[in-house]
Every structure is written in C-alpha cells, then in structure tokens.
Amino acid sequence: MSQRFVISLFIVCFWFGQTTTLEAQENQESDSISKPNDWNFRISPYFWFVGLKGTIYRPPQPELMPEPPPPKYDIDVGFKDIKNSIKFALMLAGQYKTEHIITQFNFSSLILESEAITPYELVLQDNIIKLTYMAGDIGVGYRVVKNPKFEFDALLGAKFIFFKIGLKTNAIGIGQIEGERSQYWIDPVIGTNLRYRPHPKIELIGYGDIGPTVFNTYNTSQFMLGANYMFTKTFMVSFGYRSYHLDFPRKEAIFNGNVKGWIMKVGFQF
C-alpha cells in the first residue's frame, strides 16, 4: 500500500466524517427549533393593559334630566388613568392547528365605572358612568408557509363588538334617575398570522385583521405584535402590544377610536 494511497484514504475519511457531523448538527438544530412548535392546541389567558383614545358619542339621556348632555366626549386615557375604575376584566385566546389548517379565537371584556363631573353639579350629584366593552373574533385559515423558523397563515372569519354605556345620577328633589344605551356589531374579517423563531425558545408573532367595508358602512381593524418565550415545551409567557380600531357611523356609534395597550399572556400548549 503506497504512501499516496494512505494519504488519499485519510483525506476521504476525514471529509466524509466532517460531512456526516455537519449533517447531524443541522438535523439536531432543525429538531431543536421545531420541537417547541410540536403542538396542536394552545390556550392563553392574558391581561390587556388597556387605554382608550377617541370619542364617546351620545351619552344616555336619563329621564327628567334638566338639560341634555353634550353630544360627545373626547377621551385620551391610558391604563394608569383607568385602572382604579376597572370593575371586571376577562381575556382569553386559543389556537388549534393541524398539518394544513389553523383555527383560532380571541375574547376580551372590560367593565369601567367611574364618577363623572358634569356642568349640572348644582342639580345632579353622584354621577356614575358605566362603560361595558366586549369583543371577540374567530378565524379559520390555511397554513400557507410552515417550516421550523417561519410560518404564515391566511385567515377568514368574523368578529363581534359590544358596547354599552350607562349613566346613573341623583337629582335634588327627584331622587335617583338613570339611562343607558347599547350597540352590537358583527363583522366579517380577513386576517393573517406571522411567526418567526430566531431561537428554539423565542417566537416572534404578529396578527392583523380588517373588516371589509364592502359589506357594511363601518370598518374595524386590529393588529398585535409580540414575543413568546418558551420555558418548556408546554409552558410559555408572552409580551406584546395590541390596538383595536373602531370607526362607526356617528348616529350609531357609542365609541369611535382606538382601544390599545400592552398585553401579557401565560400560555399552555399540547
């Protein structure tokens, strides 16, 4: 066996060993990235540090009120301004996916109650305004792109929005009087999901939808951006930002503007 043959054999063996090692490392890295994504059902209770920026239209008119209230109120408040007025809050999101299909839902509700200072303070006392907000969406979509690092879903679905505003006050010489009005909308939507995994434990997410105005005289839209951190294969936490935009005809609207704020989720996946 010549020295040249031995050297050539050594080089071939070394090259083959290096190639096999690199392939094994790539397969291990791919498995490591995809492992946290090996789930079918994800449920996520969350809290929305909500704020409101927009206009409240046509407050309710209690009977026997000496003068009608102003036609609208412009508001711009953050979570720190309304946190003491929160009487109830419930938020929940979930997803179920198969090889090609994904379904998801999102639900949020909030009840605010606070004292209102009115121009009629000499006649009206203990003015309490109660604002109820409930909204949810459900979507079914096709997983257009799906690989260990990047995913894209196209969704069709519907969402609903419910607003109710009530005013309760005490009138001197009359007693307690109150009034309320509410409105409910349901909207078809087109939406998208985006997910990017730069690291096996980190998932960057984005969601957006819009209610097509071709079906109605109003429009709604929302977007959410966030990041998930996977503590284990089944447990994660999420931080993000969500904005919900509402634009209804003034004669029907209770609130037009943005419901927005930071979101914190605790998620479980199986």
C-alpha atoms as a PDB file:
ATOM      1  CA  MET A   1       0.000   0.000   0.000  1.00  0.00           C
ATOM      2  CA  SER A   2       1.662   3.235  -1.159  1.00  0.00           C
ATOM      3  CA  GLN A   3       2.003   6.329   0.981  1.00  0.00           C
ATOM      4  CA  ARG A   4      -0.034   8.361  -1.557  1.00  0.00           C
ATOM      5  CA  PHE A   5      -2.947   5.898  -1.282  1.00  0.00           C
ATOM      6  CA  VAL A   6      -2.917   6.059   2.528  1.00  0.00           C
ATOM      7  CA  ILE A   7      -2.976   9.875   2.457  1.00  0.00           C
ATOM      8  CA  SER A   8      -5.823   9.893  -0.066  1.00  0.00           C
ATOM      9  CA  LEU A   9      -7.822   7.406   2.011  1.00  0.00           C
ATOM     10  CA  PHE A  10      -7.266   9.531   5.119  1.00  0.00           C
ATOM     11  CA  ILE A  11      -8.495  12.674   3.329  1.00  0.00           C
ATOM     12  CA  VAL A  12     -11.631  10.894   2.048  1.00  0.00           C
ATOM     13  CA  CYS A  13     -12.425   9.528   5.502  1.00  0.00           C
ATOM     14  CA  PHE A  14     -11.870  12.939   7.120  1.00  0.00           C
ATOM     15  CA  TRP A  15     -14.109  14.672   4.552  1.00  0.00           C
ATOM     16  CA  PHE A  16     -16.852  12.053   4.985  1.00  0.00           C
ATOM     17  CA  GLY A  17     -16.678  12.341   8.763  1.00  0.00           C
ATOM     18  CA  GLN A  18     -16.923  16.127   8.635  1.00  0.00           C
ATOM     19  CA  THR A  19     -19.893  15.976   6.240  1.00  0.00           C
ATOM     20  CA  THR A  20     -21.722  13.487   8.456  1.00  0.00           C
ATOM     21  CA  THR A  21     -21.037  15.616  11.549  1.00  0.00           C
ATOM     22  CA  LEU A  22     -22.350  18.766   9.854  1.00  0.00           C
ATOM     23  CA  GLU A  23     -25.488  16.962   8.665  1.00  0.00           C
ATOM     24  CA  ALA A  24     -26.079  15.632  12.170  1.00  0.00           C
ATOM     25  CA  GLN A  25     -25.646  19.114  13.639  1.00  0.00           C
ATOM     26  CA  GLU A  26     -28.058  20.603  11.091  1.00  0.00           C
ATOM     27  CA  ASN A  27     -30.644  17.891  11.784  1.00  0.00           C
ATOM     28  CA  GLN A  28     -30.222  18.387  15.532  1.00  0.00           C
ATOM     29  CA  GLU A  29     -30.629  22.160  15.154  1.00  0.00           C
ATOM     30  CA  SER A  30     -33.735  21.685  12.985  1.00  0.00           C
ATOM     31  CA  ASP A  31     -35.243  19.283  15.510  1.00  0.00           C
ATOM     32  CA  SER A  32     -34.403  21.662  18.345  1.00  0.00           C
ATOM     33  CA  ILE A  33     -36.136  24.562  16.604  1.00  0.00           C
ATOM     34  CA  SER A  34     -39.211  22.583  15.577  1.00  0.00           C
ATOM     35  CA  LYS A  35     -39.660  20.817  18.923  1.00  0.00           C
ATOM     36  CA  PRO A  36     -41.319  23.795  20.697  1.00  0.00           C
ATOM     37  CA  ASN A  37     -43.606  24.060  17.654  1.00  0.00           C
ATOM     38  CA  ASP A  38     -44.753  20.461  18.021  1.00  0.00           C
ATOM     39  CA  TRP A  39     -48.211  21.318  19.371  1.00  0.00           C
ATOM     40  CA  ASN A  40     -51.831  21.106  18.245  1.00  0.00           C
ATOM     41  CA  PHE A  41     -53.682  23.158  20.870  1.00  0.00           C
ATOM     42  CA  ARG A  42     -52.633  26.395  22.585  1.00  0.00           C
ATOM     43  CA  ILE A  43     -54.651  28.229  25.255  1.00  0.00           C
ATOM     44  CA  SER A  44     -53.583  31.638  26.602  1.00  0.00           C
ATOM     45  CA  PRO A  45     -55.273  33.599  29.390  1.00  0.00           C
ATOM     46  CA  TYR A  46     -53.985  37.157  29.216  1.00  0.00           C
ATOM     47  CA  PHE A  47     -54.333  40.664  30.571  1.00  0.00           C
ATOM     48  CA  TRP A  48     -54.627  43.737  28.381  1.00  0.00           C
ATOM     49  CA  PHE A  49     -53.309  46.947  29.955  1.00  0.00           C
ATOM     50  CA  VAL A  50     -55.900  48.820  28.008  1.00  0.00           C
ATOM     51  CA  GLY A  51     -56.225  52.504  27.212  1.00  0.00           C
ATOM     52  CA  LEU A  52     -58.812  54.464  25.227  1.00  0.00           C
ATOM     53  CA  LYS A  53     -58.285  57.226  22.698  1.00  0.00           C
ATOM     54  CA  GLY A  54     -61.256  58.524  20.745  1.00  0.00           C
ATOM     55  CA  THR A  55     -64.782  59.858  21.164  1.00  0.00           C
ATOM     56  CA  ILE A  56     -67.786  58.678  23.153  1.00  0.00           C
ATOM     57  CA  TYR A  57     -70.962  59.703  21.282  1.00  0.00           C
ATOM     58  CA  ARG A  58     -74.442  60.446  22.544  1.00  0.00           C
ATOM     59  CA  PRO A  59     -74.328  59.576  26.233  1.00  0.00           C
ATOM     60  CA  PRO A  60     -77.609  58.163  27.548  1.00  0.00           C
ATOM     61  CA  GLN A  61     -80.336  60.650  28.443  1.00  0.00           C
ATOM     62  CA  PRO A  62     -81.785  59.945  31.895  1.00  0.00           C
ATOM     63  CA  GLU A  63     -85.435  60.844  32.240  1.00  0.00           C
ATOM     64  CA  LEU A  64     -86.215  64.180  33.940  1.00  0.00           C
ATOM     65  CA  MET A  65     -82.689  65.483  33.313  1.00  0.00           C
ATOM     66  CA  PRO A  66     -82.988  69.285  33.095  1.00  0.00           C
ATOM     67  CA  GLU A  67     -80.736  69.589  30.031  1.00  0.00           C
ATOM     68  CA  PRO A  68     -79.388  67.077  27.507  1.00  0.00           C
ATOM     69  CA  PRO A  69     -75.757  66.036  27.951  1.00  0.00           C
ATOM     70  CA  PRO A  70     -73.141  67.132  25.390  1.00  0.00           C
ATOM     71  CA  PRO A  71     -73.344  65.168  22.096  1.00  0.00           C
ATOM     72  CA  LYS A  72     -69.854  63.695  22.563  1.00  0.00           C
ATOM     73  CA  TYR A  73     -66.884  63.346  24.885  1.00  0.00           C
ATOM     74  CA  ASP A  74     -63.297  63.196  23.625  1.00  0.00           C
ATOM     75  CA  ILE A  75     -61.125  60.925  25.764  1.00  0.00           C
ATOM     76  CA  ASP A  76     -57.441  60.001  25.794  1.00  0.00           C
ATOM     77  CA  VAL A  77     -56.639  57.825  28.800  1.00  0.00           C
ATOM     78  CA  GLY A  78     -54.036  55.171  29.476  1.00  0.00           C
ATOM     79  CA  PHE A  79     -54.186  52.174  31.765  1.00  0.00           C
ATOM     80  CA  LYS A  80     -52.818  54.112  34.727  1.00  0.00           C
ATOM     81  CA  ASP A  81     -55.732  56.563  34.370  1.00  0.00           C
ATOM     82  CA  ILE A  82     -58.470  53.922  34.378  1.00  0.00           C
ATOM     83  CA  LYS A  83     -57.017  51.075  36.444  1.00  0.00           C
ATOM     84  CA  ASN A  84     -58.947  52.137  39.546  1.00  0.00           C
ATOM     85  CA  SER A  85     -62.180  52.223  37.523  1.00  0.00           C
ATOM     86  CA  ILE A  86     -61.918  48.599  36.307  1.00  0.00           C
ATOM     87  CA  LYS A  87     -64.731  46.545  37.822  1.00  0.00           C
ATOM     88  CA  PHE A  88     -64.335  43.426  35.678  1.00  0.00           C
ATOM     89  CA  ALA A  89     -61.878  42.108  33.079  1.00  0.00           C
ATOM     90  CA  LEU A  90     -61.609  38.763  31.286  1.00  0.00           C
ATOM     91  CA  MET A  91     -59.350  37.902  28.340  1.00  0.00           C
ATOM     92  CA  LEU A  92     -58.680  34.559  26.670  1.00  0.00           C
ATOM     93  CA  ALA A  93     -57.123  33.401  23.389  1.00  0.00           C
ATOM     94  CA  GLY A  94     -56.643  29.983  21.817  1.00  0.00           C
ATOM     95  CA  GLN A  95     -55.443  28.191  18.685  1.00  0.00           C
ATOM     96  CA  TYR A  96     -55.798  24.717  17.208  1.00  0.00           C
ATOM     97  CA  LYS A  97     -53.726  23.609  14.241  1.00  0.00           C
ATOM     98  CA  THR A  98     -53.302  20.573  12.032  1.00  0.00           C
ATOM     99  CA  GLU A  99     -50.865  19.960   9.201  1.00  0.00           C
ATOM    100  CA  HIS A 100     -52.602  22.430   6.873  1.00  0.00           C
ATOM    101  CA  ILE A 101     -55.430  24.159   8.812  1.00  0.00           C
ATOM    102  CA  ILE A 102     -55.469  26.518  11.781  1.00  0.00           C
ATOM    103  CA  THR A 103     -58.428  27.786  13.811  1.00  0.00           C
ATOM    104  CA  GLN A 104     -58.202  30.446  16.496  1.00  0.00           C
ATOM    105  CA  PHE A 105     -60.259  32.663  18.761  1.00  0.00           C
ATOM    106  CA  ASN A 106     -59.731  35.727  20.886  1.00  0.00           C
ATOM    107  CA  PHE A 107     -62.055  37.203  23.506  1.00  0.00           C
ATOM    108  CA  SER A 108     -61.757  40.286  25.716  1.00  0.00           C
ATOM    109  CA  SER A 109     -64.178  42.046  28.043  1.00  0.00           C
ATOM    110  CA  LEU A 110     -63.896  45.083  30.268  1.00  0.00           C
ATOM    111  CA  ILE A 111     -66.261  46.993  32.545  1.00  0.00           C
ATOM    112  CA  LEU A 112     -65.318  50.501  33.686  1.00  0.00           C
ATOM    113  CA  GLU A 113     -67.211  52.515  36.261  1.00  0.00           C
ATOM    114  CA  SER A 114     -66.286  55.984  37.439  1.00  0.00           C
ATOM    115  CA  GLU A 115     -67.694  59.219  38.772  1.00  0.00           C
ATOM    116  CA  ALA A 116     -68.474  61.866  36.189  1.00  0.00           C
ATOM    117  CA  ILE A 117     -68.254  65.600  36.857  1.00  0.00           C
ATOM    118  CA  THR A 118     -70.989  67.381  34.889  1.00  0.00           C
ATOM    119  CA  PRO A 119     -71.927  71.036  34.292  1.00  0.00           C
ATOM    120  CA  TYR A 120     -75.116  70.378  36.269  1.00  0.00           C
ATOM    121  CA  GLU A 121     -73.397  69.688  39.590  1.00  0.00           C
ATOM    122  CA  LEU A 122     -75.728  72.040  41.451  1.00  0.00           C
ATOM    123  CA  VAL A 123     -78.714  69.940  40.370  1.00  0.00           C
ATOM    124  CA  LEU A 124     -77.188  66.490  39.767  1.00  0.00           C
ATOM    125  CA  GLN A 125     -74.979  64.669  42.274  1.00  0.00           C
ATOM    126  CA  ASP A 126     -73.181  61.298  42.419  1.00  0.00           C
ATOM    127  CA  ASN A 127     -72.985  60.953  38.646  1.00  0.00           C
ATOM    128  CA  ILE A 128     -71.767  57.441  37.769  1.00  0.00           C
ATOM    129  CA  ILE A 129     -70.845  56.430  34.211  1.00  0.00           C
ATOM    130  CA  LYS A 130     -70.515  52.705  33.443  1.00  0.00           C
ATOM    131  CA  LEU A 131     -68.891  51.584  30.188  1.00  0.00           C
ATOM    132  CA  THR A 132     -69.020  47.932  29.116  1.00  0.00           C
ATOM    133  CA  TYR A 133     -66.828  46.644  26.289  1.00  0.00           C
ATOM    134  CA  MET A 134     -66.848  43.102  24.909  1.00  0.00           C
ATOM    135  CA  ALA A 135     -65.179  41.916  21.717  1.00  0.00           C
ATOM    136  CA  GLY A 136     -64.107  38.655  20.181  1.00  0.00           C
ATOM    137  CA  ASP A 137     -63.013  37.092  16.937  1.00  0.00           C
ATOM    138  CA  ILE A 138     -62.798  33.621  15.441  1.00  0.00           C
ATOM    139  CA  GLY A 139     -60.917  32.633  12.329  1.00  0.00           C
ATOM    140  CA  VAL A 140     -60.192  29.589  10.192  1.00  0.00           C
ATOM    141  CA  GLY A 141     -57.206  29.613   7.889  1.00  0.00           C
ATOM    142  CA  TYR A 142     -54.754  27.774   5.698  1.00  0.00           C
ATOM    143  CA  ARG A 143     -51.121  27.407   6.738  1.00  0.00           C
ATOM    144  CA  VAL A 144     -49.560  28.831   3.584  1.00  0.00           C
ATOM    145  CA  VAL A 145     -45.944  28.665   4.785  1.00  0.00           C
ATOM    146  CA  LYS A 146     -44.811  26.307   7.521  1.00  0.00           C
ATOM    147  CA  ASN A 147     -41.227  25.475   8.360  1.00  0.00           C
ATOM    148  CA  PRO A 148     -39.235  25.311  11.611  1.00  0.00           C
ATOM    149  CA  LYS A 149     -38.312  29.007  11.519  1.00  0.00           C
ATOM    150  CA  PHE A 150     -41.087  30.841   9.707  1.00  0.00           C
ATOM    151  CA  GLU A 151     -44.866  30.414   9.341  1.00  0.00           C
ATOM    152  CA  PHE A 152     -47.568  32.371   7.557  1.00  0.00           C
ATOM    153  CA  ASP A 153     -51.336  31.769   7.817  1.00  0.00           C
ATOM    154  CA  ALA A 154     -54.167  33.304   5.773  1.00  0.00           C
ATOM    155  CA  LEU A 155     -57.456  33.549   7.696  1.00  0.00           C
ATOM    156  CA  LEU A 156     -61.148  34.194   7.131  1.00  0.00           C
ATOM    157  CA  GLY A 157     -63.557  34.696   9.995  1.00  0.00           C
ATOM    158  CA  ALA A 158     -65.779  37.055  11.939  1.00  0.00           C
ATOM    159  CA  LYS A 159     -65.602  39.277  14.994  1.00  0.00           C
ATOM    160  CA  PHE A 160     -68.125  40.949  17.223  1.00  0.00           C
ATOM    161  CA  ILE A 161     -68.051  44.135  19.290  1.00  0.00           C
ATOM    162  CA  PHE A 162     -70.484  45.111  22.041  1.00  0.00           C
ATOM    163  CA  PHE A 163     -70.592  48.493  23.773  1.00  0.00           C
ATOM    164  CA  LYS A 164     -72.940  49.667  26.495  1.00  0.00           C
ATOM    165  CA  ILE A 165     -72.839  52.971  28.330  1.00  0.00           C
ATOM    166  CA  GLY A 166     -74.962  53.837  31.329  1.00  0.00           C
ATOM    167  CA  LEU A 167     -75.411  56.975  33.391  1.00  0.00           C
ATOM    168  CA  LYS A 168     -76.807  56.977  36.915  1.00  0.00           C
ATOM    169  CA  THR A 169     -77.269  60.117  38.979  1.00  0.00           C
ATOM    170  CA  ASN A 170     -79.181  61.679  41.869  1.00  0.00           C
ATOM    171  CA  ALA A 171     -81.319  64.719  41.138  1.00  0.00           C
ATOM    172  CA  ILE A 172     -82.207  67.056  44.010  1.00  0.00           C
ATOM    173  CA  GLY A 173     -85.887  66.775  44.784  1.00  0.00           C
ATOM    174  CA  ILE A 174     -86.393  63.834  42.403  1.00  0.00           C
ATOM    175  CA  GLY A 175     -84.110  61.010  43.547  1.00  0.00           C
ATOM    176  CA  GLN A 176     -82.076  58.560  41.506  1.00  0.00           C
ATOM    177  CA  ILE A 177     -82.508  58.643  37.739  1.00  0.00           C
ATOM    178  CA  GLU A 178     -80.633  56.624  35.144  1.00  0.00           C
ATOM    179  CA  GLY A 179     -80.369  55.805  31.459  1.00  0.00           C
ATOM    180  CA  GLU A 180     -78.345  53.560  29.187  1.00  0.00           C
ATOM    181  CA  ARG A 181     -77.852  52.621  25.578  1.00  0.00           C
ATOM    182  CA  SER A 182     -76.001  49.790  23.884  1.00  0.00           C
ATOM    183  CA  GLN A 183     -74.908  48.654  20.454  1.00  0.00           C
ATOM    184  CA  TYR A 184     -73.756  45.339  18.972  1.00  0.00           C
ATOM    185  CA  TRP A 185     -71.889  44.785  15.714  1.00  0.00           C
ATOM    186  CA  ILE A 186     -70.671  41.666  13.924  1.00  0.00           C
ATOM    187  CA  ASP A 187     -68.151  41.932  11.134  1.00  0.00           C
ATOM    188  CA  PRO A 188     -66.614  39.528   8.563  1.00  0.00           C
ATOM    189  CA  VAL A 189     -62.824  39.765   8.597  1.00  0.00           C
ATOM    190  CA  ILE A 190     -59.735  38.839   6.634  1.00  0.00           C
ATOM    191  CA  GLY A 191     -56.657  38.176   8.755  1.00  0.00           C
ATOM    192  CA  THR A 192     -53.083  36.905   8.793  1.00  0.00           C
ATOM    193  CA  ASN A 193     -50.719  35.259  11.265  1.00  0.00           C
ATOM    194  CA  LEU A 194     -46.941  35.539  11.173  1.00  0.00           C
ATOM    195  CA  ARG A 195     -44.491  33.578  13.333  1.00  0.00           C
ATOM    196  CA  TYR A 196     -40.699  33.710  13.270  1.00  0.00           C
ATOM    197  CA  ARG A 197     -38.373  31.687  15.512  1.00  0.00           C
ATOM    198  CA  PRO A 198     -34.838  33.096  15.701  1.00  0.00           C
ATOM    199  CA  HIS A 199     -34.124  30.746  18.623  1.00  0.00           C
ATOM    200  CA  PRO A 200     -35.736  27.492  19.841  1.00  0.00           C
ATOM    201  CA  LYS A 201     -37.127  29.277  22.912  1.00  0.00           C
ATOM    202  CA  ILE A 202     -38.166  32.560  21.249  1.00  0.00           C
ATOM    203  CA  GLU A 203     -41.093  33.109  18.905  1.00  0.00           C
ATOM    204  CA  LEU A 204     -41.881  36.498  17.368  1.00  0.00           C
ATOM    205  CA  ILE A 205     -45.540  36.782  16.400  1.00  0.00           C
ATOM    206  CA  GLY A 206     -47.772  39.141  14.504  1.00  0.00           C
ATOM    207  CA  TYR A 207     -51.510  39.174  13.806  1.00  0.00           C
ATOM    208  CA  GLY A 208     -53.717  41.573  11.889  1.00  0.00           C
ATOM    209  CA  ASP A 209     -57.244  41.682  10.527  1.00  0.00           C
ATOM    210  CA  ILE A 210     -59.604  44.080   8.814  1.00  0.00           C
ATOM    211  CA  GLY A 211     -63.384  44.126   8.365  1.00  0.00           C
ATOM    212  CA  PRO A 212     -64.111  44.699   4.666  1.00  0.00           C
ATOM    213  CA  THR A 213     -66.202  47.862   4.205  1.00  0.00           C
ATOM    214  CA  VAL A 214     -67.789  46.403   1.077  1.00  0.00           C
ATOM    215  CA  PHE A 215     -70.182  44.528   3.380  1.00  0.00           C
ATOM    216  CA  ASN A 216     -71.086  47.397   5.689  1.00  0.00           C
ATOM    217  CA  THR A 217     -70.981  51.140   6.352  1.00  0.00           C
ATOM    218  CA  TYR A 218     -68.310  50.934   9.034  1.00  0.00           C
ATOM    219  CA  ASN A 219     -64.896  49.389   9.429  1.00  0.00           C
ATOM    220  CA  THR A 220     -62.873  47.784  12.172  1.00  0.00           C
ATOM    221  CA  SER A 221     -59.303  46.582  12.262  1.00  0.00           C
ATOM    222  CA  GLN A 222     -56.778  45.334  14.751  1.00  0.00           C
ATOM    223  CA  PHE A 223     -53.157  44.302  14.972  1.00  0.00           C
ATOM    224  CA  MET A 224     -50.997  42.639  17.574  1.00  0.00           C
ATOM    225  CA  LEU A 225     -47.221  42.259  17.768  1.00  0.00           C
ATOM    226  CA  GLY A 226     -45.450  40.255  20.434  1.00  0.00           C
ATOM    227  CA  ALA A 227     -42.844  37.744  21.523  1.00  0.00           C
ATOM    228  CA  ASN A 228     -43.273  34.341  23.162  1.00  0.00           C
ATOM    229  CA  TYR A 229     -40.645  32.812  25.423  1.00  0.00           C
ATOM    230  CA  MET A 230     -40.818  29.034  25.816  1.00  0.00           C
ATOM    231  CA  PHE A 231     -39.868  27.971  29.333  1.00  0.00           C
ATOM    232  CA  THR A 232     -40.728  24.367  28.462  1.00  0.00           C
ATOM    233  CA  LYS A 233     -42.376  22.564  25.569  1.00  0.00           C
ATOM    234  CA  THR A 234     -45.774  23.186  27.160  1.00  0.00           C
ATOM    235  CA  PHE A 235     -45.405  26.483  29.052  1.00  0.00           C
ATOM    236  CA  MET A 236     -44.639  29.972  27.762  1.00  0.00           C
ATOM    237  CA  VAL A 237     -45.099  33.650  28.523  1.00  0.00           C
ATOM    238  CA  SER A 238     -45.840  36.393  26.014  1.00  0.00           C
ATOM    239  CA  PHE A 239     -45.448  40.144  25.903  1.00  0.00           C
ATOM    240  CA  GLY A 240     -46.868  42.306  23.174  1.00  0.00           C
ATOM    241  CA  TYR A 241     -48.926  45.284  22.059  1.00  0.00           C
ATOM    242  CA  ARG A 242     -52.467  45.291  20.693  1.00  0.00           C
ATOM    243  CA  SER A 243     -54.512  48.030  19.012  1.00  0.00           C
ATOM    244  CA  TYR A 244     -58.193  47.732  18.087  1.00  0.00           C
ATOM    245  CA  HIS A 245     -59.533  50.480  15.787  1.00  0.00           C
ATOM    246  CA  LEU A 246     -63.266  51.254  15.537  1.00  0.00           C
ATOM    247  CA  ASP A 247     -64.926  53.590  13.048  1.00  0.00           C
ATOM    248  CA  PHE A 248     -68.751  53.523  13.029  1.00  0.00           C
ATOM    249  CA  PRO A 249     -71.303  55.986  11.634  1.00  0.00           C
ATOM    250  CA  ARG A 250     -71.769  58.740  14.183  1.00  0.00           C
ATOM    251  CA  LYS A 251     -75.530  58.211  14.510  1.00  0.00           C
ATOM    252  CA  GLU A 252     -74.908  54.575  15.558  1.00  0.00           C
ATOM    253  CA  ALA A 253     -71.625  54.876  17.428  1.00  0.00           C
ATOM    254  CA  ILE A 254     -71.072  54.726  21.149  1.00  0.00           C
ATOM    255  CA  PHE A 255     -67.272  54.856  20.852  1.00  0.00           C
ATOM    256  CA  ASN A 256     -65.029  55.574  17.861  1.00  0.00           C
ATOM    257  CA  GLY A 257     -61.266  55.448  18.124  1.00  0.00           C
ATOM    258  CA  ASN A 258     -58.620  53.056  19.418  1.00  0.00           C
ATOM    259  CA  VAL A 259     -58.684  50.549  22.258  1.00  0.00           C
ATOM    260  CA  LYS A 260     -54.993  49.849  22.763  1.00  0.00           C
ATOM    261  CA  GLY A 261     -52.314  48.814  25.196  1.00  0.00           C
ATOM    262  CA  TRP A 262     -49.663  46.287  26.223  1.00  0.00           C
ATOM    263  CA  ILE A 263     -50.550  42.619  26.619  1.00  0.00           C
ATOM    264  CA  MET A 264     -49.135  39.963  28.914  1.00  0.00           C
ATOM    265  CA  LYS A 265     -50.051  36.299  28.338  1.00  0.00           C
ATOM    266  CA  VAL A 266     -49.452  32.986  30.039  1.00  0.00           C
ATOM    267  CA  GLY A 267     -49.738  30.182  27.517  1.00  0.00           C
ATOM    268  CA  PHE A 268     -50.046  26.402  27.599  1.00  0.00           C
ATOM    269  CA  GLN A 269     -49.664  24.184  24.535  1.00  0.00           C
ATOM    270  CA  PHE A 270     -50.176  20.486  23.954  1.00  0.00           C
END
